């Protein structure tokens, strides 16, 4: 089941930087798997029998990655001192 981008972001708003980085890595791995399925147009892959299909899951996972990157950016901006 897919959730809205806003719902996904709210689920991770209290995550630590380490948790956000781990989530980002997980999303990138998922994107790589979905890219292979979608780009090869492998209709024999079982994921095409799931709903939503891999093409929609790919788009939503990209959207989730944007949300995680926004949270990371905000967290780094507020918690890290860059001018040491």
N, C-alpha and C. Protein backbone atom coordinates (compact mmCIF):
# COMPACT_ATOMS: atom_id res chain seq x y z
N UNK A 1 0.84 -1.18 0.00
CA UNK A 1 0.00 0.00 0.00
C UNK A 1 0.89 1.24 0.00
N UNK A 2 0.57 2.16 -0.86
CA UNK A 2 1.32 3.40 -0.96
C UNK A 2 0.62 4.45 -0.10
N UNK A 3 1.41 5.37 0.45
CA UNK A 3 0.85 6.48 1.21
C UNK A 3 1.25 7.77 0.52
N UNK A 4 0.61 8.85 0.90
CA UNK A 4 0.93 10.14 0.30
C UNK A 4 2.34 10.57 0.67
N UNK A 5 2.90 11.45 -0.14
CA UNK A 5 4.23 11.98 0.15
C UNK A 5 4.25 12.70 1.49
N UNK A 6 3.19 13.43 1.78
CA UNK A 6 3.10 14.16 3.04
C UNK A 6 3.03 13.20 4.22
N UNK A 7 2.25 12.13 4.07
CA UNK A 7 2.16 11.12 5.12
C UNK A 7 3.48 10.43 5.36
N UNK A 8 4.18 10.13 4.27
CA UNK A 8 5.50 9.49 4.38
C UNK A 8 6.46 10.41 5.11
N UNK A 9 6.46 11.68 4.73
CA UNK A 9 7.36 12.65 5.36
C UNK A 9 7.05 12.78 6.85
N UNK A 10 5.78 12.85 7.20
CA UNK A 10 5.42 13.00 8.61
C UNK A 10 5.83 11.77 9.43
N UNK A 11 5.86 10.60 8.81
CA UNK A 11 6.30 9.38 9.50
C UNK A 11 7.78 9.46 9.88
N UNK A 12 8.55 10.27 9.17
CA UNK A 12 10.00 10.31 9.36
C UNK A 12 10.51 11.62 9.95
N UNK A 13 9.61 12.53 10.29
CA UNK A 13 10.03 13.84 10.78
C UNK A 13 10.84 13.78 12.07
N UNK A 14 10.60 12.80 12.89
CA UNK A 14 11.33 12.72 14.16
C UNK A 14 12.53 11.77 14.09
N UNK A 15 12.82 11.24 12.91
CA UNK A 15 13.96 10.33 12.75
C UNK A 15 15.28 11.07 12.98
N UNK A 16 16.25 10.35 13.47
CA UNK A 16 17.60 10.91 13.61
C UNK A 16 18.25 11.00 12.23
N UNK A 17 19.36 11.70 12.16
CA UNK A 17 20.08 11.79 10.89
C UNK A 17 20.49 10.40 10.42
N UNK A 18 20.95 9.56 11.33
CA UNK A 18 21.35 8.20 10.95
C UNK A 18 20.17 7.40 10.40
N UNK A 19 19.01 7.55 11.01
CA UNK A 19 17.81 6.86 10.52
C UNK A 19 17.40 7.38 9.15
N UNK A 20 17.51 8.69 8.95
CA UNK A 20 17.18 9.27 7.64
C UNK A 20 18.14 8.78 6.56
N UNK A 21 19.41 8.70 6.90
CA UNK A 21 20.40 8.20 5.94
C UNK A 21 20.12 6.74 5.60
N UNK A 22 19.78 5.94 6.59
CA UNK A 22 19.45 4.53 6.36
C UNK A 22 18.22 4.41 5.47
N UNK A 23 17.22 5.24 5.71
CA UNK A 23 16.01 5.22 4.89
C UNK A 23 16.32 5.63 3.46
N UNK A 24 17.18 6.64 3.30
CA UNK A 24 17.58 7.07 1.96
C UNK A 24 18.26 5.93 1.22
N UNK A 25 19.15 5.21 1.89
CA UNK A 25 19.84 4.08 1.26
C UNK A 25 18.86 3.00 0.85
N UNK A 26 17.88 2.73 1.71
CA UNK A 26 16.87 1.71 1.41
C UNK A 26 16.06 2.12 0.18
N UNK A 27 15.68 3.39 0.10
CA UNK A 27 14.91 3.88 -1.05
C UNK A 27 15.71 3.79 -2.34
N UNK A 28 16.99 4.15 -2.29
CA UNK A 28 17.84 4.07 -3.48
C UNK A 28 17.94 2.63 -3.95
N UNK A 29 18.10 1.69 -3.03
CA UNK A 29 18.14 0.28 -3.39
C UNK A 29 16.85 -0.18 -4.05
N UNK A 30 15.74 0.26 -3.50
CA UNK A 30 14.43 -0.09 -4.07
C UNK A 30 14.29 0.50 -5.47
N UNK A 31 14.73 1.74 -5.64
CA UNK A 31 14.67 2.38 -6.96
C UNK A 31 15.50 1.61 -7.98
N UNK A 32 16.67 1.15 -7.59
CA UNK A 32 17.52 0.40 -8.51
C UNK A 32 16.84 -0.89 -8.96
N UNK A 33 16.17 -1.57 -8.05
CA UNK A 33 15.44 -2.79 -8.41
C UNK A 33 14.29 -2.48 -9.36
N UNK A 34 13.54 -1.43 -9.04
CA UNK A 34 12.39 -1.07 -9.88
C UNK A 34 12.84 -0.57 -11.25
N UNK A 35 13.95 0.15 -11.31
CA UNK A 35 14.47 0.62 -12.60
C UNK A 35 14.77 -0.55 -13.52
N UNK A 36 15.36 -1.56 -12.96
CA UNK A 36 15.70 -2.74 -13.77
C UNK A 36 14.43 -3.37 -14.35
N UNK A 37 13.41 -3.52 -13.54
CA UNK A 37 12.16 -4.13 -13.99
C UNK A 37 11.48 -3.25 -15.03
N UNK A 38 11.37 -1.96 -14.75
CA UNK A 38 10.63 -1.06 -15.63
C UNK A 38 11.39 -0.82 -16.93
N UNK A 39 12.68 -0.54 -16.84
CA UNK A 39 13.46 -0.23 -18.04
C UNK A 39 13.59 -1.43 -18.97
N UNK A 40 13.68 -2.62 -18.40
CA UNK A 40 13.75 -3.82 -19.23
C UNK A 40 12.37 -4.23 -19.73
N UNK A 41 11.34 -3.56 -19.20
CA UNK A 41 9.95 -3.87 -19.56
C UNK A 41 9.69 -5.37 -19.44
N UNK A 42 10.20 -5.94 -18.36
CA UNK A 42 10.10 -7.37 -18.11
C UNK A 42 8.71 -7.70 -17.57
N UNK A 43 7.77 -7.91 -18.47
CA UNK A 43 6.38 -8.18 -18.08
C UNK A 43 6.22 -9.56 -17.43
N UNK A 44 7.26 -10.40 -17.52
CA UNK A 44 7.20 -11.71 -16.86
C UNK A 44 7.49 -11.60 -15.37
N UNK A 45 8.04 -10.47 -14.94
CA UNK A 45 8.35 -10.28 -13.52
C UNK A 45 7.04 -10.23 -12.74
N UNK A 46 7.00 -10.94 -11.61
CA UNK A 46 5.78 -11.02 -10.80
C UNK A 46 5.30 -9.66 -10.29
N UNK A 47 6.20 -8.70 -10.20
CA UNK A 47 5.80 -7.39 -9.66
C UNK A 47 4.79 -6.68 -10.56
N UNK A 48 4.70 -7.07 -11.84
CA UNK A 48 3.69 -6.47 -12.72
C UNK A 48 2.29 -6.97 -12.35
N UNK A 49 2.20 -8.06 -11.59
CA UNK A 49 0.91 -8.59 -11.16
C UNK A 49 0.43 -7.95 -9.87
N UNK A 50 1.28 -7.12 -9.26
CA UNK A 50 0.94 -6.45 -8.01
C UNK A 50 0.31 -5.10 -8.32
N UNK A 51 -0.43 -4.60 -7.35
CA UNK A 51 -1.02 -3.28 -7.49
C UNK A 51 -0.61 -2.43 -6.30
N UNK A 52 -0.01 -1.29 -6.51
CA UNK A 52 0.30 -0.71 -7.81
C UNK A 52 1.49 -1.41 -8.46
N UNK A 53 1.58 -1.26 -9.77
CA UNK A 53 2.65 -1.88 -10.54
C UNK A 53 3.99 -1.22 -10.27
N UNK A 54 5.06 -1.82 -10.78
CA UNK A 54 6.39 -1.28 -10.52
C UNK A 54 6.61 0.12 -11.07
N UNK A 55 5.91 0.48 -12.14
CA UNK A 55 6.06 1.82 -12.69
C UNK A 55 5.52 2.87 -11.72
N UNK A 56 4.38 2.60 -11.11
CA UNK A 56 3.80 3.53 -10.13
C UNK A 56 4.63 3.52 -8.85
N UNK A 57 5.06 2.33 -8.41
CA UNK A 57 5.90 2.25 -7.21
C UNK A 57 7.21 3.01 -7.42
N UNK A 58 7.74 2.97 -8.63
CA UNK A 58 8.97 3.71 -8.94
C UNK A 58 8.73 5.21 -8.75
N UNK A 59 7.65 5.72 -9.30
CA UNK A 59 7.34 7.15 -9.18
C UNK A 59 7.13 7.55 -7.73
N UNK A 60 6.42 6.73 -6.97
CA UNK A 60 6.17 7.05 -5.57
C UNK A 60 7.46 6.96 -4.75
N UNK A 61 8.30 6.00 -5.04
CA UNK A 61 9.56 5.87 -4.31
C UNK A 61 10.46 7.07 -4.59
N UNK A 62 10.45 7.58 -5.82
CA UNK A 62 11.18 8.82 -6.11
C UNK A 62 10.64 9.97 -5.28
N UNK A 63 9.32 10.04 -5.16
CA UNK A 63 8.69 11.09 -4.36
C UNK A 63 9.09 10.95 -2.90
N UNK A 64 9.12 9.73 -2.38
CA UNK A 64 9.55 9.50 -1.00
C UNK A 64 11.01 9.91 -0.81
N UNK A 65 11.84 9.62 -1.80
CA UNK A 65 13.25 10.00 -1.72
C UNK A 65 13.39 11.52 -1.62
N UNK A 66 12.59 12.23 -2.37
CA UNK A 66 12.59 13.70 -2.29
C UNK A 66 12.26 14.14 -0.87
N UNK A 67 11.25 13.51 -0.26
CA UNK A 67 10.85 13.87 1.10
C UNK A 67 11.97 13.61 2.10
N UNK A 68 12.63 12.46 1.97
CA UNK A 68 13.73 12.13 2.88
C UNK A 68 14.88 13.12 2.69
N UNK A 69 15.19 13.46 1.45
CA UNK A 69 16.27 14.42 1.18
C UNK A 69 15.94 15.79 1.76
N UNK A 70 14.68 16.20 1.67
CA UNK A 70 14.27 17.47 2.28
C UNK A 70 14.46 17.43 3.80
N UNK A 71 14.10 16.31 4.42
CA UNK A 71 14.28 16.18 5.86
C UNK A 71 15.77 16.19 6.23
N UNK A 72 16.58 15.50 5.44
CA UNK A 72 18.02 15.50 5.69
C UNK A 72 18.59 16.91 5.55
N UNK A 73 18.19 17.60 4.52
CA UNK A 73 18.67 18.97 4.30
C UNK A 73 18.31 19.85 5.49
N UNK A 74 17.06 19.77 5.93
CA UNK A 74 16.61 20.58 7.06
C UNK A 74 17.36 20.21 8.34
N UNK A 75 17.53 18.91 8.57
CA UNK A 75 18.20 18.45 9.78
C UNK A 75 19.66 18.89 9.78
N UNK A 76 20.35 18.71 8.67
CA UNK A 76 21.75 19.14 8.59
C UNK A 76 21.85 20.65 8.74
N UNK A 77 20.93 21.38 8.15
CA UNK A 77 20.96 22.85 8.24
C UNK A 77 20.76 23.33 9.66
N UNK A 78 19.91 22.65 10.42
CA UNK A 78 19.61 23.11 11.77
C UNK A 78 20.54 22.54 12.84
N UNK A 79 21.12 21.36 12.60
CA UNK A 79 21.89 20.70 13.65
C UNK A 79 23.40 20.76 13.46
N UNK A 80 23.86 21.02 12.28
CA UNK A 80 25.30 20.98 12.02
C UNK A 80 25.86 22.39 11.93
N UNK A 81 27.07 22.54 12.41
CA UNK A 81 27.76 23.81 12.30
C UNK A 81 28.77 23.67 11.17
N UNK A 82 28.53 24.39 10.09
CA UNK A 82 29.39 24.27 8.92
C UNK A 82 30.56 25.25 8.96
N UNK A 83 30.50 26.28 9.77
CA UNK A 83 31.53 27.32 9.77
C UNK A 83 32.53 27.14 10.89
N UNK A 84 32.98 25.95 11.14
CA UNK A 84 33.96 25.73 12.21
C UNK A 84 35.35 26.03 11.71
